[in-house]
Amino acid sequence: MNEITTLKWVLAVVAGLLLGTMFFVGLWWTVRKAIFSQRPALWLLGSQLLRTSLTLTGFYVVSGGHWQRLLACLLGFVIARFIVIKFTGRPVALPSFSRKEAGHATES
């Protein structure tokens, strides 16, 4: 393997890291924004369409028709997921409603 091919693989992984970071930070931000929004479905749907479109376009451009580069980009994308989770923290469980509050729906 020559230096140019190695450089293309490294750049594909870096591009995957950038795409993954954009995708997962965008998801984190959207969920935080949607929780307090009057129209959370609009936030979630719009964000999903935008993040998916940008990510798939990025994968297409980076791959350049080579499945090896696509795989390297995907590797960077997956690594970015773990990095973003490390920095944003694990999801915190929201307090659940007690049975007493929802008793009218469960009583026969």
PDB file of N, CA and C in Angstrom:
ATOM      1  N   MET A   1       0.845  -1.166   0.000  1.00  0.00           N
ATOM      2  CA  MET A   1       0.000   0.000   0.000  1.00  0.00           C
ATOM      3  C   MET A   1       0.900   1.240   0.000  1.00  0.00           C
ATOM      4  N   ASN A   2       0.654   2.139  -0.906  1.00  0.00           N
ATOM      5  CA  ASN A   2       1.497   3.326  -0.976  1.00  0.00           C
ATOM      6  C   ASN A   2       0.966   4.438  -0.070  1.00  0.00           C
ATOM      7  N   GLU A   3       1.708   5.530   0.022  1.00  0.00           N
ATOM      8  CA  GLU A   3       1.383   6.611   0.952  1.00  0.00           C
ATOM      9  C   GLU A   3       0.088   7.324   0.588  1.00  0.00           C
ATOM     10  N   ILE A   4      -0.187   7.464  -0.692  1.00  0.00           N
ATOM     11  CA  ILE A   4      -1.398   8.167  -1.116  1.00  0.00           C
ATOM     12  C   ILE A   4      -2.637   7.379  -0.716  1.00  0.00           C
ATOM     13  N   THR A   5      -2.605   6.070  -0.890  1.00  0.00           N
ATOM     14  CA  THR A   5      -3.741   5.236  -0.499  1.00  0.00           C
ATOM     15  C   THR A   5      -3.947   5.290   1.003  1.00  0.00           C
ATOM     16  N   THR A   6      -2.866   5.245   1.757  1.00  0.00           N
ATOM     17  CA  THR A   6      -2.958   5.329   3.215  1.00  0.00           C
ATOM     18  C   THR A   6      -3.534   6.675   3.636  1.00  0.00           C
ATOM     19  N   LEU A   7      -3.111   7.734   2.983  1.00  0.00           N
ATOM     20  CA  LEU A   7      -3.626   9.064   3.285  1.00  0.00           C
ATOM     21  C   LEU A   7      -5.120   9.150   3.005  1.00  0.00           C
ATOM     22  N   LYS A   8      -5.582   8.545   1.929  1.00  0.00           N
ATOM     23  CA  LYS A   8      -7.011   8.558   1.606  1.00  0.00           C
ATOM     24  C   LYS A   8      -7.816   7.832   2.672  1.00  0.00           C
ATOM     25  N   TRP A   9      -7.280   6.722   3.193  1.00  0.00           N
ATOM     26  CA  TRP A   9      -7.964   5.978   4.256  1.00  0.00           C
ATOM     27  C   TRP A   9      -8.030   6.802   5.529  1.00  0.00           C
ATOM     28  N   VAL A  10      -6.934   7.435   5.877  1.00  0.00           N
ATOM     29  CA  VAL A  10      -6.897   8.260   7.088  1.00  0.00           C
ATOM     30  C   VAL A  10      -7.863   9.433   6.954  1.00  0.00           C
ATOM     31  N   LEU A  11      -7.872  10.072   5.810  1.00  0.00           N
ATOM     32  CA  LEU A  11      -8.800  11.179   5.583  1.00  0.00           C
ATOM     33  C   LEU A  11     -10.257  10.712   5.625  1.00  0.00           C
ATOM     34  N   ALA A  12     -10.509   9.503   5.144  1.00  0.00           N
ATOM     35  CA  ALA A  12     -11.867   8.959   5.198  1.00  0.00           C
ATOM     36  C   ALA A  12     -12.299   8.721   6.646  1.00  0.00           C
ATOM     37  N   VAL A  13     -11.398   8.227   7.473  1.00  0.00           N
ATOM     38  CA  VAL A  13     -11.718   8.023   8.886  1.00  0.00           C
ATOM     39  C   VAL A  13     -11.961   9.371   9.570  1.00  0.00           C
ATOM     40  N   VAL A  14     -11.121  10.356   9.281  1.00  0.00           N
ATOM     41  CA  VAL A  14     -11.288  11.694   9.865  1.00  0.00           C
ATOM     42  C   VAL A  14     -12.617  12.302   9.411  1.00  0.00           C
ATOM     43  N   ALA A  15     -12.952  12.137   8.146  1.00  0.00           N
ATOM     44  CA  ALA A  15     -14.236  12.640   7.648  1.00  0.00           C
ATOM     45  C   ALA A  15     -15.388  11.941   8.362  1.00  0.00           C
ATOM     46  N   GLY A  16     -15.258  10.644   8.593  1.00  0.00           N
ATOM     47  CA  GLY A  16     -16.277   9.912   9.342  1.00  0.00           C
ATOM     48  C   GLY A  16     -16.408  10.414  10.763  1.00  0.00           C
ATOM     49  N   LEU A  17     -15.271  10.740  11.385  1.00  0.00           N
ATOM     50  CA  LEU A  17     -15.307  11.316  12.730  1.00  0.00           C
ATOM     51  C   LEU A  17     -16.059  12.647  12.732  1.00  0.00           C
ATOM     52  N   LEU A  18     -15.786  13.474  11.751  1.00  0.00           N
ATOM     53  CA  LEU A  18     -16.464  14.769  11.657  1.00  0.00           C
ATOM     54  C   LEU A  18     -17.963  14.604  11.385  1.00  0.00           C
ATOM     55  N   LEU A  19     -18.297  13.708  10.462  1.00  0.00           N
ATOM     56  CA  LEU A  19     -19.709  13.468  10.162  1.00  0.00           C
ATOM     57  C   LEU A  19     -20.440  12.892  11.379  1.00  0.00           C
ATOM     58  N   GLY A  20     -19.802  11.951  12.053  1.00  0.00           N
ATOM     59  CA  GLY A  20     -20.415  11.356  13.238  1.00  0.00           C
ATOM     60  C   GLY A  20     -20.583  12.361  14.359  1.00  0.00           C
ATOM     61  N   THR A  21     -19.577  13.198  14.548  1.00  0.00           N
ATOM     62  CA  THR A  21     -19.677  14.221  15.586  1.00  0.00           C
ATOM     63  C   THR A  21     -20.820  15.178  15.282  1.00  0.00           C
ATOM     64  N   MET A  22     -20.918  15.599  14.025  1.00  0.00           N
ATOM     65  CA  MET A  22     -22.008  16.484  13.633  1.00  0.00           C
ATOM     66  C   MET A  22     -23.362  15.806  13.860  1.00  0.00           C
ATOM     67  N   PHE A  23     -23.470  14.557  13.470  1.00  0.00           N
ATOM     68  CA  PHE A  23     -24.729  13.834  13.572  1.00  0.00           C
ATOM     69  C   PHE A  23     -25.157  13.662  15.031  1.00  0.00           C
ATOM     70  N   PHE A  24     -24.248  13.159  15.867  1.00  0.00           N
ATOM     71  CA  PHE A  24     -24.629  12.823  17.236  1.00  0.00           C
ATOM     72  C   PHE A  24     -24.717  14.041  18.149  1.00  0.00           C
ATOM     73  N   VAL A  25     -23.895  15.055  17.929  1.00  0.00           N
ATOM     74  CA  VAL A  25     -24.054  16.299  18.691  1.00  0.00           C
ATOM     75  C   VAL A  25     -25.357  16.979  18.271  1.00  0.00           C
ATOM     76  N   GLY A  26     -25.668  16.923  16.986  1.00  0.00           N
ATOM     77  CA  GLY A  26     -26.943  17.457  16.520  1.00  0.00           C
ATOM     78  C   GLY A  26     -28.131  16.736  17.132  1.00  0.00           C
ATOM     79  N   LEU A  27     -28.021  15.429  17.266  1.00  0.00           N
ATOM     80  CA  LEU A  27     -29.084  14.644  17.903  1.00  0.00           C
ATOM     81  C   LEU A  27     -29.221  15.035  19.368  1.00  0.00           C
ATOM     82  N   TRP A  28     -28.107  15.144  20.061  1.00  0.00           N
ATOM     83  CA  TRP A  28     -28.107  15.520  21.480  1.00  0.00           C
ATOM     84  C   TRP A  28     -28.752  16.895  21.663  1.00  0.00           C
ATOM     85  N   TRP A  29     -28.347  17.851  20.827  1.00  0.00           N
ATOM     86  CA  TRP A  29     -28.867  19.201  20.921  1.00  0.00           C
ATOM     87  C   TRP A  29     -30.372  19.228  20.619  1.00  0.00           C
ATOM     88  N   THR A  30     -30.782  18.476  19.605  1.00  0.00           N
ATOM     89  CA  THR A  30     -32.192  18.452  19.213  1.00  0.00           C
ATOM     90  C   THR A  30     -33.067  17.885  20.316  1.00  0.00           C
ATOM     91  N   VAL A  31     -32.629  16.813  20.932  1.00  0.00           N
ATOM     92  CA  VAL A  31     -33.431  16.213  22.001  1.00  0.00           C
ATOM     93  C   VAL A  31     -33.557  17.183  23.166  1.00  0.00           C
ATOM     94  N   ARG A  32     -32.476  17.840  23.521  1.00  0.00           N
ATOM     95  CA  ARG A  32     -32.529  18.823  24.612  1.00  0.00           C
ATOM     96  C   ARG A  32     -33.453  19.989  24.263  1.00  0.00           C
ATOM     97  N   LYS A  33     -33.436  20.407  23.024  1.00  0.00           N
ATOM     98  CA  LYS A  33     -34.283  21.506  22.571  1.00  0.00           C
ATOM     99  C   LYS A  33     -35.750  21.063  22.486  1.00  0.00           C
ATOM    100  N   ALA A  34     -35.992  19.844  22.021  1.00  0.00           N
ATOM    101  CA  ALA A  34     -37.357  19.357  21.814  1.00  0.00           C
ATOM    102  C   ALA A  34     -38.095  19.118  23.122  1.00  0.00           C
ATOM    103  N   ILE A  35     -37.364  18.805  24.189  1.00  0.00           N
ATOM    104  CA  ILE A  35     -38.008  18.525  25.472  1.00  0.00           C
ATOM    105  C   ILE A  35     -38.832  19.718  25.945  1.00  0.00           C
ATOM    106  N   PHE A  36     -38.329  20.909  25.731  1.00  0.00           N
ATOM    107  CA  PHE A  36     -38.998  22.105  26.220  1.00  0.00           C
ATOM    108  C   PHE A  36     -39.740  22.877  25.129  1.00  0.00           C
ATOM    109  N   SER A  37     -39.844  22.297  23.955  1.00  0.00           N
ATOM    110  CA  SER A  37     -40.477  22.973  22.833  1.00  0.00           C
ATOM    111  C   SER A  37     -41.984  22.750  22.830  1.00  0.00           C
ATOM    112  N   GLN A  38     -42.694  23.681  22.234  1.00  0.00           N
ATOM    113  CA  GLN A  38     -44.135  23.521  22.049  1.00  0.00           C
ATOM    114  C   GLN A  38     -44.435  22.528  20.924  1.00  0.00           C
ATOM    115  N   ARG A  39     -43.479  22.371  19.998  1.00  0.00           N
ATOM    116  CA  ARG A  39     -43.646  21.457  18.866  1.00  0.00           C
ATOM    117  C   ARG A  39     -42.435  20.533  18.748  1.00  0.00           C
ATOM    118  N   PRO A  40     -42.316  19.561  19.634  1.00  0.00           N
ATOM    119  CA  PRO A  40     -41.141  18.695  19.617  1.00  0.00           C
ATOM    120  C   PRO A  40     -41.053  17.831  18.359  1.00  0.00           C
ATOM    121  N   ALA A  41     -42.186  17.431  17.812  1.00  0.00           N
ATOM    122  CA  ALA A  41     -42.163  16.585  16.615  1.00  0.00           C
ATOM    123  C   ALA A  41     -41.524  17.322  15.440  1.00  0.00           C
ATOM    124  N   LEU A  42     -41.793  18.609  15.343  1.00  0.00           N
ATOM    125  CA  LEU A  42     -41.207  19.409  14.272  1.00  0.00           C
ATOM    126  C   LEU A  42     -39.685  19.482  14.422  1.00  0.00           C
ATOM    127  N   TRP A  43     -39.218  19.692  15.640  1.00  0.00           N
ATOM    128  CA  TRP A  43     -37.775  19.715  15.898  1.00  0.00           C
ATOM    129  C   TRP A  43     -37.137  18.378  15.546  1.00  0.00           C
ATOM    130  N   LEU A  44     -37.753  17.297  16.020  1.00  0.00           N
ATOM    131  CA  LEU A  44     -37.168  15.972  15.819  1.00  0.00           C
ATOM    132  C   LEU A  44     -37.169  15.568  14.348  1.00  0.00           C
ATOM    133  N   LEU A  45     -38.271  15.806  13.662  1.00  0.00           N
ATOM    134  CA  LEU A  45     -38.356  15.437  12.252  1.00  0.00           C
ATOM    135  C   LEU A  45     -37.425  16.286  11.395  1.00  0.00           C
ATOM    136  N   GLY A  46     -37.440  17.580  11.610  1.00  0.00           N
ATOM    137  CA  GLY A  46     -36.568  18.466  10.839  1.00  0.00           C
ATOM    138  C   GLY A  46     -35.092  18.150  11.059  1.00  0.00           C
ATOM    139  N   SER A  47     -34.735  17.928  12.300  1.00  0.00           N
ATOM    140  CA  SER A  47     -33.350  17.600  12.618  1.00  0.00           C
ATOM    141  C   SER A  47     -32.942  16.266  11.989  1.00  0.00           C
ATOM    142  N   GLN A  48     -33.826  15.283  12.075  1.00  0.00           N
ATOM    143  CA  GLN A  48     -33.507  13.974  11.502  1.00  0.00           C
ATOM    144  C   GLN A  48     -33.273  14.064   9.998  1.00  0.00           C
ATOM    145  N   LEU A  49     -34.139  14.789   9.318  1.00  0.00           N
ATOM    146  CA  LEU A  49     -33.978  14.943   7.868  1.00  0.00           C
ATOM    147  C   LEU A  49     -32.678  15.661   7.522  1.00  0.00           C
ATOM    148  N   LEU A  50     -32.372  16.732   8.246  1.00  0.00           N
ATOM    149  CA  LEU A  50     -31.157  17.499   7.982  1.00  0.00           C
ATOM    150  C   LEU A  50     -29.899  16.685   8.305  1.00  0.00           C
ATOM    151  N   ARG A  51     -29.868  16.058   9.486  1.00  0.00           N
ATOM    152  CA  ARG A  51     -28.688  15.286   9.878  1.00  0.00           C
ATOM    153  C   ARG A  51     -28.455  14.091   8.954  1.00  0.00           C
ATOM    154  N   THR A  52     -29.526  13.393   8.599  1.00  0.00           N
ATOM    155  CA  THR A  52     -29.388  12.230   7.715  1.00  0.00           C
ATOM    156  C   THR A  52     -28.950  12.658   6.318  1.00  0.00           C
ATOM    157  N   SER A  53     -29.519  13.727   5.804  1.00  0.00           N
ATOM    158  CA  SER A  53     -29.143  14.200   4.467  1.00  0.00           C
ATOM    159  C   SER A  53     -27.674  14.601   4.413  1.00  0.00           C
ATOM    160  N   LEU A  54     -27.229  15.369   5.402  1.00  0.00           N
ATOM    161  CA  LEU A  54     -25.826  15.785   5.427  1.00  0.00           C
ATOM    162  C   LEU A  54     -24.881  14.591   5.578  1.00  0.00           C
ATOM    163  N   THR A  55     -25.249  13.657   6.426  1.00  0.00           N
ATOM    164  CA  THR A  55     -24.394  12.487   6.662  1.00  0.00           C
ATOM    165  C   THR A  55     -24.306  11.605   5.422  1.00  0.00           C
ATOM    166  N   LEU A  56     -25.427  11.308   4.806  1.00  0.00           N
ATOM    167  CA  LEU A  56     -25.401  10.462   3.608  1.00  0.00           C
ATOM    168  C   LEU A  56     -24.672  11.139   2.450  1.00  0.00           C
ATOM    169  N   THR A  57     -24.857  12.439   2.315  1.00  0.00           N
ATOM    170  CA  THR A  57     -24.121  13.176   1.285  1.00  0.00           C
ATOM    171  C   THR A  57     -22.624  13.116   1.558  1.00  0.00           C
ATOM    172  N   GLY A  58     -22.255  13.287   2.821  1.00  0.00           N
ATOM    173  CA  GLY A  58     -20.847  13.190   3.201  1.00  0.00           C
ATOM    174  C   GLY A  58     -20.268  11.819   2.910  1.00  0.00           C
ATOM    175  N   PHE A  59     -21.009  10.764   3.231  1.00  0.00           N
ATOM    176  CA  PHE A  59     -20.542   9.403   2.930  1.00  0.00           C
ATOM    177  C   PHE A  59     -20.338   9.215   1.422  1.00  0.00           C
ATOM    178  N   TYR A  60     -21.277   9.732   0.650  1.00  0.00           N
ATOM    179  CA  TYR A  60     -21.197   9.596  -0.801  1.00  0.00           C
ATOM    180  C   TYR A  60     -19.963  10.305  -1.354  1.00  0.00           C
ATOM    181  N   VAL A  61     -19.734  11.525  -0.884  1.00  0.00           N
ATOM    182  CA  VAL A  61     -18.598  12.307  -1.370  1.00  0.00           C
ATOM    183  C   VAL A  61     -17.280  11.662  -0.940  1.00  0.00           C
ATOM    184  N   VAL A  62     -17.200  11.251   0.317  1.00  0.00           N
ATOM    185  CA  VAL A  62     -15.952  10.661   0.831  1.00  0.00           C
ATOM    186  C   VAL A  62     -15.632   9.347   0.134  1.00  0.00           C
ATOM    187  N   SER A  63     -16.640   8.528  -0.097  1.00  0.00           N
ATOM    188  CA  SER A  63     -16.379   7.206  -0.684  1.00  0.00           C
ATOM    189  C   SER A  63     -15.830   7.309  -2.102  1.00  0.00           C
ATOM    190  N   GLY A  64     -16.316   8.247  -2.872  1.00  0.00           N
ATOM    191  CA  GLY A  64     -15.853   8.394  -4.243  1.00  0.00           C
ATOM    192  C   GLY A  64     -16.011   7.121  -5.060  1.00  0.00           C
ATOM    193  N   GLY A  65     -16.998   6.318  -4.712  1.00  0.00           N
ATOM    194  CA  GLY A  65     -17.237   5.078  -5.442  1.00  0.00           C
ATOM    195  C   GLY A  65     -16.385   3.909  -4.981  1.00  0.00           C
ATOM    196  N   HIS A  66     -15.635   4.065  -3.887  1.00  0.00           N
ATOM    197  CA  HIS A  66     -14.781   3.000  -3.362  1.00  0.00           C
ATOM    198  C   HIS A  66     -15.362   2.506  -2.030  1.00  0.00           C
ATOM    199  N   TRP A  67     -15.709   1.238  -1.972  1.00  0.00           N
ATOM    200  CA  TRP A  67     -16.319   0.712  -0.764  1.00  0.00           C
ATOM    201  C   TRP A  67     -15.336   0.723   0.416  1.00  0.00           C
ATOM    202  N   GLN A  68     -14.043   0.662   0.147  1.00  0.00           N
ATOM    203  CA  GLN A  68     -13.065   0.670   1.228  1.00  0.00           C
ATOM    204  C   GLN A  68     -13.080   2.004   1.969  1.00  0.00           C
ATOM    205  N   ARG A  69     -13.165   3.090   1.205  1.00  0.00           N
ATOM    206  CA  ARG A  69     -13.228   4.416   1.837  1.00  0.00           C
ATOM    207  C   ARG A  69     -14.552   4.614   2.570  1.00  0.00           C
ATOM    208  N   LEU A  70     -15.618   4.056   2.010  1.00  0.00           N
ATOM    209  CA  LEU A  70     -16.912   4.130   2.687  1.00  0.00           C
ATOM    210  C   LEU A  70     -16.842   3.406   4.029  1.00  0.00           C
ATOM    211  N   LEU A  71     -16.206   2.256   4.045  1.00  0.00           N
ATOM    212  CA  LEU A  71     -16.045   1.494   5.280  1.00  0.00           C
ATOM    213  C   LEU A  71     -15.186   2.247   6.288  1.00  0.00           C
ATOM    214  N   ALA A  72     -14.126   2.894   5.838  1.00  0.00           N
ATOM    215  CA  ALA A  72     -13.270   3.684   6.727  1.00  0.00           C
ATOM    216  C   ALA A  72     -14.053   4.873   7.289  1.00  0.00           C
ATOM    217  N   CYS A  73     -14.870   5.501   6.472  1.00  0.00           N
ATOM    218  CA  CYS A  73     -15.686   6.624   6.913  1.00  0.00           C
ATOM    219  C   CYS A  73     -16.713   6.154   7.954  1.00  0.00           C
ATOM    220  N   LEU A  74     -17.301   5.004   7.720  1.00  0.00           N
ATOM    221  CA  LEU A  74     -18.251   4.437   8.665  1.00  0.00           C
ATOM    222  C   LEU A  74     -17.575   4.109   9.991  1.00  0.00           C
ATOM    223  N   LEU A  75     -16.351   3.637   9.950  1.00  0.00           N
ATOM    224  CA  LEU A  75     -15.589   3.362  11.164  1.00  0.00           C
ATOM    225  C   LEU A  75     -15.410   4.650  11.969  1.00  0.00           C
ATOM    226  N   GLY A  76     -15.033   5.727  11.316  1.00  0.00           N
ATOM    227  CA  GLY A  76     -14.900   7.012  11.987  1.00  0.00           C
ATOM    228  C   GLY A  76     -16.223   7.489  12.565  1.00  0.00           C
ATOM    229  N   PHE A  77     -17.313   7.254  11.845  1.00  0.00           N
ATOM    230  CA  PHE A  77     -18.649   7.637  12.296  1.00  0.00           C
ATOM    231  C   PHE A  77     -19.010   6.916  13.601  1.00  0.00           C
ATOM    232  N   VAL A  78     -18.730   5.621  13.661  1.00  0.00           N
ATOM    233  CA  VAL A  78     -19.039   4.825  14.852  1.00  0.00           C
ATOM    234  C   VAL A  78     -18.148   5.251  16.026  1.00  0.00           C
ATOM    235  N   ILE A  79     -16.896   5.514  15.766  1.00  0.00           N
ATOM    236  CA  ILE A  79     -15.987   5.975  16.822  1.00  0.00           C
ATOM    237  C   ILE A  79     -16.484   7.313  17.378  1.00  0.00           C
ATOM    238  N   ALA A  80     -16.975   8.173  16.510  1.00  0.00           N
ATOM    239  CA  ALA A  80     -17.487   9.482  16.939  1.00  0.00           C
ATOM    240  C   ALA A  80     -18.667   9.310  17.894  1.00  0.00           C
ATOM    241  N   ARG A  81     -19.468   8.288  17.689  1.00  0.00           N
ATOM    242  CA  ARG A  81     -20.604   8.039  18.581  1.00  0.00           C
ATOM    243  C   ARG A  81     -20.117   7.844  20.008  1.00  0.00           C
ATOM    244  N   PHE A  82     -19.085   7.026  20.180  1.00  0.00           N
ATOM    245  CA  PHE A  82     -18.572   6.772  21.516  1.00  0.00           C
ATOM    246  C   PHE A  82     -17.918   8.014  22.121  1.00  0.00           C
ATOM    247  N   ILE A  83     -17.267   8.803  21.303  1.00  0.00           N
ATOM    248  CA  ILE A  83     -16.637  10.035  21.786  1.00  0.00           C
ATOM    249  C   ILE A  83     -17.701  11.030  22.248  1.00  0.00           C
ATOM    250  N   VAL A  84     -18.753  11.189  21.463  1.00  0.00           N
ATOM    251  CA  VAL A  84     -19.820  12.123  21.830  1.00  0.00           C
ATOM    252  C   VAL A  84     -20.511  11.658  23.109  1.00  0.00           C
ATOM    253  N   ILE A  85     -20.752  10.365  23.253  1.00  0.00           N
ATOM    254  CA  ILE A  85     -21.363   9.850  24.482  1.00  0.00           C
ATOM    255  C   ILE A  85     -20.460  10.132  25.675  1.00  0.00           C
ATOM    256  N   LYS A  86     -19.162   9.988  25.486  1.00  0.00           N
ATOM    257  CA  LYS A  86     -18.209  10.255  26.574  1.00  0.00           C
ATOM    258  C   LYS A  86     -18.300  11.706  27.036  1.00  0.00           C
ATOM    259  N   PHE A  87     -18.417  12.647  26.105  1.00  0.00           N
ATOM    260  CA  PHE A  87     -18.432  14.061  26.458  1.00  0.00           C
ATOM    261  C   PHE A  87     -19.805  14.576  26.887  1.00  0.00           C
ATOM    262  N   THR A  88     -20.873  14.011  26.348  1.00  0.00           N
ATOM    263  CA  THR A  88     -22.209  14.497  26.704  1.00  0.00           C
ATOM    264  C   THR A  88     -22.804  13.727  27.868  1.00  0.00           C
ATOM    265  N   GLY A  89     -22.267  12.581  28.191  1.00  0.00           N
ATOM    266  CA  GLY A  89     -22.767  11.788  29.300  1.00  0.00           C
ATOM    267  C   GLY A  89     -23.849  10.826  28.872  1.00  0.00           C
ATOM    268  N   ARG A  90     -24.062   9.852  29.700  1.00  0.00           N
ATOM    269  CA  ARG A  90     -25.123   8.875  29.450  1.00  0.00           C
ATOM    270  C   ARG A  90     -26.477   9.543  29.658  1.00  0.00           C
ATOM    271  N   PRO A  91     -27.506   9.034  28.980  1.00  0.00           N
ATOM    272  CA  PRO A  91     -28.843   9.596  29.175  1.00  0.00           C
ATOM    273  C   PRO A  91     -29.288   9.418  30.631  1.00  0.00           C
ATOM    274  N   VAL A  92     -29.933  10.434  31.157  1.00  0.00           N
ATOM    275  CA  VAL A  92     -30.444  10.387  32.520  1.00  0.00           C
ATOM    276  C   VAL A  92     -31.893   9.956  32.452  1.00  0.00           C
ATOM    277  N   ALA A  93     -32.251   9.000  33.308  1.00  0.00           N
ATOM    278  CA  ALA A  93     -33.629   8.526  33.330  1.00  0.00           C
ATOM    279  C   ALA A  93     -34.538   9.616  33.900  1.00  0.00           C
ATOM    280  N   LEU A  94     -35.595   9.899  33.196  1.00  0.00           N
ATOM    281  CA  LEU A  94     -36.571  10.864  33.676  1.00  0.00           C
ATOM    282  C   LEU A  94     -37.436  10.203  34.738  1.00  0.00           C
ATOM    283  N   PRO A  95     -37.915  10.964  35.712  1.00  0.00           N
ATOM    284  CA  PRO A  95     -38.771  10.360  36.730  1.00  0.00           C
ATOM    285  C   PRO A  95     -40.042   9.819  36.088  1.00  0.00           C
ATOM    286  N   SER A  96     -40.409   8.628  36.477  1.00  0.00           N
ATOM    287  CA  SER A  96     -41.609   8.022  35.894  1.00  0.00           C
ATOM    288  C   SER A  96     -42.822   8.406  36.736  1.00  0.00           C
ATOM    289  N   PHE A  97     -43.965   8.319  36.112  1.00  0.00           N
ATOM    290  CA  PHE A  97     -45.203   8.624  36.808  1.00  0.00           C
ATOM    291  C   PHE A  97     -45.559   7.456  37.709  1.00  0.00           C
ATOM    292  N   SER A  98     -46.099   7.760  38.857  1.00  0.00           N
ATOM    293  CA  SER A  98     -46.485   6.684  39.772  1.00  0.00           C
ATOM    294  C   SER A  98     -47.782   6.049  39.289  1.00  0.00           C
ATOM    295  N   ARG A  99     -48.036   4.850  39.768  1.00  0.00           N
ATOM    296  CA  ARG A  99     -49.259   4.159  39.390  1.00  0.00           C
ATOM    297  C   ARG A  99     -50.481   4.912  39.890  1.00  0.00           C
ATOM    298  N   LYS A 100     -50.353   5.580  41.024  1.00  0.00           N
ATOM    299  CA  LYS A 100     -51.479   6.305  41.581  1.00  0.00           C
ATOM    300  C   LYS A 100     -51.957   7.405  40.637  1.00  0.00           C
ATOM    301  N   GLU A 101     -51.022   8.093  40.003  1.00  0.00           N
ATOM    302  CA  GLU A 101     -51.383   9.159  39.072  1.00  0.00           C
ATOM    303  C   GLU A 101     -52.053   8.608  37.817  1.00  0.00           C
ATOM    304  N   ALA A 102     -51.593   7.444  37.364  1.00  0.00           N
ATOM    305  CA  ALA A 102     -52.137   6.863  36.149  1.00  0.00           C
ATOM    306  C   ALA A 102     -53.149   5.761  36.458  1.00  0.00           C
ATOM    307  N   GLY A 103     -53.619   5.724  37.681  1.00  0.00           N
ATOM    308  CA  GLY A 103     -54.518   4.644  38.116  1.00  0.00           C
ATOM    309  C   GLY A 103     -55.808   4.580  37.334  1.00  0.00           C
ATOM    310  N   HIS A 104     -56.325   5.719  36.911  1.00  0.00           N
ATOM    311  CA  HIS A 104     -57.584   5.716  36.186  1.00  0.00           C
ATOM    312  C   HIS A 104     -57.478   4.978  34.853  1.00  0.00           C
ATOM    313  N   ALA A 105     -56.286   4.925  34.285  1.00  0.00           N
ATOM    314  CA  ALA A 105     -56.111   4.268  32.998  1.00  0.00           C
ATOM    315  C   ALA A 105     -55.898   2.776  33.144  1.00  0.00           C
ATOM    316  N   THR A 106     -55.481   2.323  34.336  1.00  0.00           N
ATOM    317  CA  THR A 106     -55.172   0.909  34.501  1.00  0.00           C
ATOM    318  C   THR A 106     -56.252   0.160  35.254  1.00  0.00           C
ATOM    319  N   GLU A 107     -57.184   0.865  35.877  1.00  0.00           N
ATOM    320  CA  GLU A 107     -58.241   0.182  36.629  1.00  0.00           C
ATOM    321  C   GLU A 107     -59.254  -0.426  35.676  1.00  0.00           C
ATOM    322  N   SER A 108     -59.801  -1.577  36.097  1.00  0.00           N
ATOM    323  CA  SER A 108     -60.810  -2.257  35.271  1.00  0.00           C
ATOM    324  C   SER A 108     -62.188  -1.821  35.624  1.00  0.00           C
TER     325      SER A 108
END
